[in-house]
Amino acid sequence: MSSKEYEFPLDEEAQEWLRIRLTRTGGEVDAFTVQYETTIHGKRLPVARYDEAHGRAHRDLLDRMGEEIDKWWLPGDPTF
């Protein structure tokens, strides 16, 4: 099992970010996280996260403390 994490700035000032985490076994993706982050008062904060942490792909919207305020399950049964 191997894990990789990538960060991509979405603007030239590096105030908005996309963070991607992938865990693979033998070339197959076992787990993923795609997270949008923004900078508020100099601190990087998560805003929205797509993952499969509960066994099914979904989106979490997060508050300034990183706590979930809404969950939306992706329709159907998407595969990795």
PDB file of N, CA and C in Angstrom:
ATOM      1  N   MET A   1       0.847  -1.165   0.000  1.00  0.00           N
ATOM      2  CA  MET A   1       0.000   0.000   0.000  1.00  0.00           C
ATOM      3  C   MET A   1       0.897   1.234   0.000  1.00  0.00           C
ATOM      4  N   SER A   2       0.588   2.178  -0.875  1.00  0.00           N
ATOM      5  CA  SER A   2       1.359   3.416  -0.911  1.00  0.00           C
ATOM      6  C   SER A   2       0.398   4.599  -0.921  1.00  0.00           C
ATOM      7  N   SER A   3       0.842   5.686  -0.310  1.00  0.00           N
ATOM      8  CA  SER A   3       0.042   6.904  -0.258  1.00  0.00           C
ATOM      9  C   SER A   3       0.829   8.045  -0.862  1.00  0.00           C
ATOM     10  N   LYS A   4       0.126   8.909  -1.567  1.00  0.00           N
ATOM     11  CA  LYS A   4       0.736  10.106  -2.147  1.00  0.00           C
ATOM     12  C   LYS A   4      -0.171  11.278  -1.850  1.00  0.00           C
ATOM     13  N   GLU A   5       0.430  12.437  -1.645  1.00  0.00           N
ATOM     14  CA  GLU A   5      -0.328  13.665  -1.446  1.00  0.00           C
ATOM     15  C   GLU A   5       0.217  14.731  -2.381  1.00  0.00           C
ATOM     16  N   TYR A   6      -0.687  15.470  -2.994  1.00  0.00           N
ATOM     17  CA  TYR A   6      -0.336  16.530  -3.924  1.00  0.00           C
ATOM     18  C   TYR A   6      -1.052  17.804  -3.494  1.00  0.00           C
ATOM     19  N   GLU A   7      -0.393  18.949  -3.688  1.00  0.00           N
ATOM     20  CA  GLU A   7      -1.007  20.241  -3.438  1.00  0.00           C
ATOM     21  C   GLU A   7      -0.819  21.108  -4.666  1.00  0.00           C
ATOM     22  N   PHE A   8      -1.898  21.745  -5.097  1.00  0.00           N
ATOM     23  CA  PHE A   8      -1.871  22.607  -6.259  1.00  0.00           C
ATOM     24  C   PHE A   8      -2.422  23.979  -5.887  1.00  0.00           C
ATOM     25  N   PRO A   9      -1.619  25.045  -5.997  1.00  0.00           N
ATOM     26  CA  PRO A   9      -2.172  26.377  -5.779  1.00  0.00           C
ATOM     27  C   PRO A   9      -3.111  26.719  -6.939  1.00  0.00           C
ATOM     28  N   LEU A  10      -4.238  27.330  -6.628  1.00  0.00           N
ATOM     29  CA  LEU A  10      -5.230  27.665  -7.650  1.00  0.00           C
ATOM     30  C   LEU A  10      -5.169  29.122  -8.070  1.00  0.00           C
ATOM     31  N   ASP A  11      -4.318  29.913  -7.416  1.00  0.00           N
ATOM     32  CA  ASP A  11      -4.144  31.312  -7.802  1.00  0.00           C
ATOM     33  C   ASP A  11      -2.686  31.698  -7.598  1.00  0.00           C
ATOM     34  N   GLU A  12      -2.290  32.812  -8.174  1.00  0.00           N
ATOM     35  CA  GLU A  12      -0.887  33.223  -8.114  1.00  0.00           C
ATOM     36  C   GLU A  12      -0.452  33.647  -6.720  1.00  0.00           C
ATOM     37  N   GLU A  13      -1.370  34.102  -5.893  1.00  0.00           N
ATOM     38  CA  GLU A  13      -1.038  34.524  -4.535  1.00  0.00           C
ATOM     39  C   GLU A  13      -1.003  33.354  -3.556  1.00  0.00           C
ATOM     40  N   ALA A  14      -1.317  32.161  -4.022  1.00  0.00           N
ATOM     41  CA  ALA A  14      -1.369  30.951  -3.189  1.00  0.00           C
ATOM     42  C   ALA A  14      -2.311  31.142  -2.008  1.00  0.00           C
ATOM     43  N   GLN A  15      -3.499  31.642  -2.291  1.00  0.00           N
ATOM     44  CA  GLN A  15      -4.536  31.807  -1.278  1.00  0.00           C
ATOM     45  C   GLN A  15      -5.581  30.691  -1.366  1.00  0.00           C
ATOM     46  N   GLU A  16      -5.634  30.016  -2.496  1.00  0.00           N
ATOM     47  CA  GLU A  16      -6.592  28.938  -2.742  1.00  0.00           C
ATOM     48  C   GLU A  16      -5.802  27.699  -3.152  1.00  0.00           C
ATOM     49  N   TRP A  17      -6.198  26.551  -2.611  1.00  0.00           N
ATOM     50  CA  TRP A  17      -5.440  25.321  -2.848  1.00  0.00           C
ATOM     51  C   TRP A  17      -6.361  24.154  -3.153  1.00  0.00           C
ATOM     52  N   LEU A  18      -5.822  23.198  -3.890  1.00  0.00           N
ATOM     53  CA  LEU A  18      -6.461  21.906  -4.067  1.00  0.00           C
ATOM     54  C   LEU A  18      -5.479  20.865  -3.540  1.00  0.00           C
ATOM     55  N   ARG A  19      -5.922  20.078  -2.566  1.00  0.00           N
ATOM     56  CA  ARG A  19      -5.084  19.041  -1.965  1.00  0.00           C
ATOM     57  C   ARG A  19      -5.676  17.681  -2.354  1.00  0.00           C
ATOM     58  N   ILE A  20      -4.836  16.792  -2.851  1.00  0.00           N
ATOM     59  CA  ILE A  20      -5.280  15.467  -3.290  1.00  0.00           C
ATOM     60  C   ILE A  20      -4.453  14.415  -2.572  1.00  0.00           C
ATOM     61  N   ARG A  21      -5.141  13.432  -1.983  1.00  0.00           N
ATOM     62  CA  ARG A  21      -4.473  12.298  -1.334  1.00  0.00           C
ATOM     63  C   ARG A  21      -4.996  11.011  -1.961  1.00  0.00           C
ATOM     64  N   LEU A  22      -4.084  10.146  -2.349  1.00  0.00           N
ATOM     65  CA  LEU A  22      -4.447   8.855  -2.942  1.00  0.00           C
ATOM     66  C   LEU A  22      -3.721   7.742  -2.206  1.00  0.00           C
ATOM     67  N   THR A  23      -4.435   6.675  -1.924  1.00  0.00           N
ATOM     68  CA  THR A  23      -3.836   5.473  -1.355  1.00  0.00           C
ATOM     69  C   THR A  23      -4.084   4.348  -2.345  1.00  0.00           C
ATOM     70  N   ARG A  24      -3.013   3.664  -2.724  1.00  0.00           N
ATOM     71  CA  ARG A  24      -3.117   2.612  -3.742  1.00  0.00           C
ATOM     72  C   ARG A  24      -2.507   1.318  -3.251  1.00  0.00           C
ATOM     73  N   THR A  25      -3.058   0.234  -3.761  1.00  0.00           N
ATOM     74  CA  THR A  25      -2.490  -1.089  -3.565  1.00  0.00           C
ATOM     75  C   THR A  25      -2.399  -1.738  -4.942  1.00  0.00           C
ATOM     76  N   GLY A  26      -1.204  -2.059  -5.356  1.00  0.00           N
ATOM     77  CA  GLY A  26      -1.017  -2.719  -6.643  1.00  0.00           C
ATOM     78  C   GLY A  26      -1.580  -1.951  -7.826  1.00  0.00           C
ATOM     79  N   GLY A  27      -1.498  -0.638  -7.798  1.00  0.00           N
ATOM     80  CA  GLY A  27      -1.977   0.169  -8.908  1.00  0.00           C
ATOM     81  C   GLY A  27      -3.448   0.550  -8.824  1.00  0.00           C
ATOM     82  N   GLU A  28      -4.186  -0.046  -7.905  1.00  0.00           N
ATOM     83  CA  GLU A  28      -5.609   0.270  -7.718  1.00  0.00           C
ATOM     84  C   GLU A  28      -5.769   1.284  -6.594  1.00  0.00           C
ATOM     85  N   VAL A  29      -6.611   2.286  -6.811  1.00  0.00           N
ATOM     86  CA  VAL A  29      -6.879   3.279  -5.771  1.00  0.00           C
ATOM     87  C   VAL A  29      -7.805   2.670  -4.730  1.00  0.00           C
ATOM     88  N   ASP A  30      -7.365   2.680  -3.460  1.00  0.00           N
ATOM     89  CA  ASP A  30      -8.160   2.157  -2.349  1.00  0.00           C
ATOM     90  C   ASP A  30      -8.931   3.266  -1.643  1.00  0.00           C
ATOM     91  N   ALA A  31      -8.323   4.448  -1.598  1.00  0.00           N
ATOM     92  CA  ALA A  31      -8.928   5.571  -0.891  1.00  0.00           C
ATOM     93  C   ALA A  31      -8.485   6.861  -1.562  1.00  0.00           C
ATOM     94  N   PHE A  32      -9.343   7.885  -1.469  1.00  0.00           N
ATOM     95  CA  PHE A  32      -8.994   9.177  -2.039  1.00  0.00           C
ATOM     96  C   PHE A  32      -9.597  10.296  -1.204  1.00  0.00           C
ATOM     97  N   THR A  33      -8.963  11.450  -1.280  1.00  0.00           N
ATOM     98  CA  THR A  33      -9.487  12.691  -0.723  1.00  0.00           C
ATOM     99  C   THR A  33      -9.101  13.801  -1.681  1.00  0.00           C
ATOM    100  N   VAL A  34     -10.056  14.625  -2.054  1.00  0.00           N
ATOM    101  CA  VAL A  34      -9.813  15.832  -2.833  1.00  0.00           C
ATOM    102  C   VAL A  34     -10.409  16.965  -2.015  1.00  0.00           C
ATOM    103  N   GLN A  35      -9.575  17.912  -1.610  1.00  0.00           N
ATOM    104  CA  GLN A  35     -10.022  18.958  -0.686  1.00  0.00           C
ATOM    105  C   GLN A  35      -9.683  20.333  -1.231  1.00  0.00           C
ATOM    106  N   TYR A  36     -10.678  21.218  -1.233  1.00  0.00           N
ATOM    107  CA  TYR A  36     -10.477  22.623  -1.584  1.00  0.00           C
ATOM    108  C   TYR A  36     -10.203  23.389  -0.305  1.00  0.00           C
ATOM    109  N   GLU A  37      -9.145  24.201  -0.318  1.00  0.00           N
ATOM    110  CA  GLU A  37      -8.759  24.981   0.859  1.00  0.00           C
ATOM    111  C   GLU A  37      -8.596  26.440   0.465  1.00  0.00           C
ATOM    112  N   THR A  38      -8.882  27.328   1.400  1.00  0.00           N
ATOM    113  CA  THR A  38      -8.695  28.757   1.182  1.00  0.00           C
ATOM    114  C   THR A  38      -7.921  29.333   2.356  1.00  0.00           C
ATOM    115  N   THR A  39      -7.421  30.550   2.197  1.00  0.00           N
ATOM    116  CA  THR A  39      -6.677  31.215   3.254  1.00  0.00           C
ATOM    117  C   THR A  39      -7.536  32.352   3.812  1.00  0.00           C
ATOM    118  N   ILE A  40      -7.744  32.320   5.133  1.00  0.00           N
ATOM    119  CA  ILE A  40      -8.488  33.376   5.818  1.00  0.00           C
ATOM    120  C   ILE A  40      -7.630  33.859   6.974  1.00  0.00           C
ATOM    121  N   HIS A  41      -7.331  35.156   6.986  1.00  0.00           N
ATOM    122  CA  HIS A  41      -6.485  35.759   8.030  1.00  0.00           C
ATOM    123  C   HIS A  41      -5.164  35.012   8.173  1.00  0.00           C
ATOM    124  N   GLY A  42      -4.585  34.633   7.031  1.00  0.00           N
ATOM    125  CA  GLY A  42      -3.276  33.986   7.027  1.00  0.00           C
ATOM    126  C   GLY A  42      -3.267  32.511   7.383  1.00  0.00           C
ATOM    127  N   LYS A  43      -4.433  31.926   7.595  1.00  0.00           N
ATOM    128  CA  LYS A  43      -4.504  30.513   7.964  1.00  0.00           C
ATOM    129  C   LYS A  43      -5.222  29.731   6.865  1.00  0.00           C
ATOM    130  N   ARG A  44      -4.620  28.612   6.462  1.00  0.00           N
ATOM    131  CA  ARG A  44      -5.232  27.760   5.443  1.00  0.00           C
ATOM    132  C   ARG A  44      -6.324  26.910   6.059  1.00  0.00           C
ATOM    133  N   LEU A  45      -7.516  26.971   5.469  1.00  0.00           N
ATOM    134  CA  LEU A  45      -8.667  26.255   6.020  1.00  0.00           C
ATOM    135  C   LEU A  45      -9.354  25.422   4.954  1.00  0.00           C
ATOM    136  N   PRO A  46      -9.804  24.210   5.294  1.00  0.00           N
ATOM    137  CA  PRO A  46     -10.572  23.404   4.336  1.00  0.00           C
ATOM    138  C   PRO A  46     -11.975  23.968   4.180  1.00  0.00           C
ATOM    139  N   VAL A  47     -12.500  23.905   2.953  1.00  0.00           N
ATOM    140  CA  VAL A  47     -13.843  24.402   2.653  1.00  0.00           C
ATOM    141  C   VAL A  47     -14.751  23.251   2.234  1.00  0.00           C
ATOM    142  N   ALA A  48     -14.267  22.440   1.306  1.00  0.00           N
ATOM    143  CA  ALA A  48     -15.040  21.303   0.803  1.00  0.00           C
ATOM    144  C   ALA A  48     -14.103  20.132   0.595  1.00  0.00           C
ATOM    145  N   ARG A  49     -14.632  18.931   0.841  1.00  0.00           N
ATOM    146  CA  ARG A  49     -13.810  17.730   0.705  1.00  0.00           C
ATOM    147  C   ARG A  49     -14.641  16.623   0.063  1.00  0.00           C
ATOM    148  N   TYR A  50     -14.074  15.985  -0.937  1.00  0.00           N
ATOM    149  CA  TYR A  50     -14.660  14.785  -1.533  1.00  0.00           C
ATOM    150  C   TYR A  50     -13.808  13.615  -1.072  1.00  0.00           C
ATOM    151  N   ASP A  51     -14.460  12.559  -0.578  1.00  0.00           N
ATOM    152  CA  ASP A  51     -13.727  11.357  -0.192  1.00  0.00           C
ATOM    153  C   ASP A  51     -14.685  10.179  -0.121  1.00  0.00           C
ATOM    154  N   GLU A  52     -14.154   9.035   0.313  1.00  0.00           N
ATOM    155  CA  GLU A  52     -14.961   7.821   0.449  1.00  0.00           C
ATOM    156  C   GLU A  52     -14.819   7.253   1.859  1.00  0.00           C
ATOM    157  N   ALA A  53     -14.628   8.146   2.824  1.00  0.00           N
ATOM    158  CA  ALA A  53     -14.318   7.735   4.188  1.00  0.00           C
ATOM    159  C   ALA A  53     -15.398   6.868   4.833  1.00  0.00           C
ATOM    160  N   HIS A  54     -16.609   6.909   4.364  1.00  0.00           N
ATOM    161  CA  HIS A  54     -17.696   6.120   4.953  1.00  0.00           C
ATOM    162  C   HIS A  54     -18.102   4.968   4.040  1.00  0.00           C
ATOM    163  N   GLY A  55     -17.169   4.567   3.146  1.00  0.00           N
ATOM    164  CA  GLY A  55     -17.434   3.455   2.253  1.00  0.00           C
ATOM    165  C   GLY A  55     -18.152   3.833   0.976  1.00  0.00           C
ATOM    166  N   ARG A  56     -18.475   5.111   0.813  1.00  0.00           N
ATOM    167  CA  ARG A  56     -19.164   5.588  -0.382  1.00  0.00           C
ATOM    168  C   ARG A  56     -18.724   7.029  -0.635  1.00  0.00           C
ATOM    169  N   ALA A  57     -18.519   7.367  -1.903  1.00  0.00           N
ATOM    170  CA  ALA A  57     -18.030   8.700  -2.255  1.00  0.00           C
ATOM    171  C   ALA A  57     -19.061   9.769  -1.898  1.00  0.00           C
ATOM    172  N   HIS A  58     -18.569  10.862  -1.315  1.00  0.00           N
ATOM    173  CA  HIS A  58     -19.439  11.958  -0.895  1.00  0.00           C
ATOM    174  C   HIS A  58     -18.646  13.256  -0.802  1.00  0.00           C
ATOM    175  N   ARG A  59     -19.391  14.374  -0.666  1.00  0.00           N
ATOM    176  CA  ARG A  59     -18.782  15.689  -0.457  1.00  0.00           C
ATOM    177  C   ARG A  59     -19.178  16.187   0.919  1.00  0.00           C
ATOM    178  N   ASP A  60     -18.208  16.718   1.652  1.00  0.00           N
ATOM    179  CA  ASP A  60     -18.463  17.379   2.925  1.00  0.00           C
ATOM    180  C   ASP A  60     -18.186  18.868   2.753  1.00  0.00           C
ATOM    181  N   LEU A  61     -19.107  19.718   3.197  1.00  0.00           N
ATOM    182  CA  LEU A  61     -18.834  21.142   3.317  1.00  0.00           C
ATOM    183  C   LEU A  61     -18.434  21.390   4.762  1.00  0.00           C
ATOM    184  N   LEU A  62     -17.419  22.233   4.959  1.00  0.00           N
ATOM    185  CA  LEU A  62     -16.827  22.405   6.278  1.00  0.00           C
ATOM    186  C   LEU A  62     -16.915  23.855   6.746  1.00  0.00           C
ATOM    187  N   ASP A  63     -17.002  24.035   8.059  1.00  0.00           N
ATOM    188  CA  ASP A  63     -17.004  25.386   8.603  1.00  0.00           C
ATOM    189  C   ASP A  63     -15.568  25.831   8.880  1.00  0.00           C
ATOM    190  N   ARG A  64     -15.385  27.012   9.446  1.00  0.00           N
ATOM    191  CA  ARG A  64     -14.041  27.559   9.694  1.00  0.00           C
ATOM    192  C   ARG A  64     -13.223  26.737  10.682  1.00  0.00           C
ATOM    193  N   MET A  65     -13.887  25.902  11.457  1.00  0.00           N
ATOM    194  CA  MET A  65     -13.181  25.040  12.408  1.00  0.00           C
ATOM    195  C   MET A  65     -12.856  23.671  11.794  1.00  0.00           C
ATOM    196  N   GLY A  66     -13.251  23.469  10.529  1.00  0.00           N
ATOM    197  CA  GLY A  66     -13.010  22.196   9.869  1.00  0.00           C
ATOM    198  C   GLY A  66     -14.061  21.153  10.177  1.00  0.00           C
ATOM    199  N   GLU A  67     -15.160  21.578  10.829  1.00  0.00           N
ATOM    200  CA  GLU A  67     -16.239  20.662  11.172  1.00  0.00           C
ATOM    201  C   GLU A  67     -17.248  20.573  10.029  1.00  0.00           C
ATOM    202  N   GLU A  68     -17.776  19.397   9.822  1.00  0.00           N
ATOM    203  CA  GLU A  68     -18.752  19.161   8.754  1.00  0.00           C
ATOM    204  C   GLU A  68     -20.054  19.912   9.034  1.00  0.00           C
ATOM    205  N   ILE A  69     -20.531  20.648   8.012  1.00  0.00           N
ATOM    206  CA  ILE A  69     -21.825  21.314   8.140  1.00  0.00           C
ATOM    207  C   ILE A  69     -22.847  20.748   7.152  1.00  0.00           C
ATOM    208  N   ASP A  70     -22.368  20.004   6.155  1.00  0.00           N
ATOM    209  CA  ASP A  70     -23.284  19.387   5.198  1.00  0.00           C
ATOM    210  C   ASP A  70     -22.580  18.223   4.526  1.00  0.00           C
ATOM    211  N   LYS A  71     -23.339  17.169   4.218  1.00  0.00           N
ATOM    212  CA  LYS A  71     -22.806  16.004   3.501  1.00  0.00           C
ATOM    213  C   LYS A  71     -23.730  15.727   2.324  1.00  0.00           C
ATOM    214  N   TRP A  72     -23.132  15.476   1.158  1.00  0.00           N
ATOM    215  CA  TRP A  72     -23.888  15.142  -0.041  1.00  0.00           C
ATOM    216  C   TRP A  72     -23.282  13.877  -0.631  1.00  0.00           C
ATOM    217  N   TRP A  73     -24.081  12.812  -0.705  1.00  0.00           N
ATOM    218  CA  TRP A  73     -23.620  11.535  -1.249  1.00  0.00           C
ATOM    219  C   TRP A  73     -23.666  11.596  -2.770  1.00  0.00           C
ATOM    220  N   LEU A  74     -22.587  11.184  -3.423  1.00  0.00           N
ATOM    221  CA  LEU A  74     -22.575  11.150  -4.883  1.00  0.00           C
ATOM    222  C   LEU A  74     -23.573  10.107  -5.360  1.00  0.00           C
ATOM    223  N   PRO A  75     -24.345  10.436  -6.403  1.00  0.00           N
ATOM    224  CA  PRO A  75     -25.359   9.504  -6.881  1.00  0.00           C
ATOM    225  C   PRO A  75     -24.738   8.252  -7.499  1.00  0.00           C
ATOM    226  N   GLY A  76     -25.498   7.186  -7.492  1.00  0.00           N
ATOM    227  CA  GLY A  76     -25.036   5.921  -8.064  1.00  0.00           C
ATOM    228  C   GLY A  76     -23.968   5.306  -7.175  1.00  0.00           C
ATOM    229  N   ASP A  77     -23.130   4.524  -7.772  1.00  0.00           N
ATOM    230  CA  ASP A  77     -22.034   3.878  -7.045  1.00  0.00           C
ATOM    231  C   ASP A  77     -20.745   4.069  -7.829  1.00  0.00           C
ATOM    232  N   PRO A  78     -20.198   5.318  -7.822  1.00  0.00           N
ATOM    233  CA  PRO A  78     -18.999   5.556  -8.622  1.00  0.00           C
ATOM    234  C   PRO A  78     -17.816   4.727  -8.125  1.00  0.00           C
ATOM    235  N   THR A  79     -17.000   4.275  -9.042  1.00  0.00           N
ATOM    236  CA  THR A  79     -15.808   3.514  -8.692  1.00  0.00           C
ATOM    237  C   THR A  79     -14.597   4.427  -8.757  1.00  0.00           C
ATOM    238  N   PHE A  80     -13.518   3.978  -8.159  1.00  0.00           N
ATOM    239  CA  PHE A  80     -12.292   4.772  -8.159  1.00  0.00           C
ATOM    240  C   PHE A  80     -11.639   4.688  -9.512  1.00  0.00           C
TER     241      PHE A  80
END
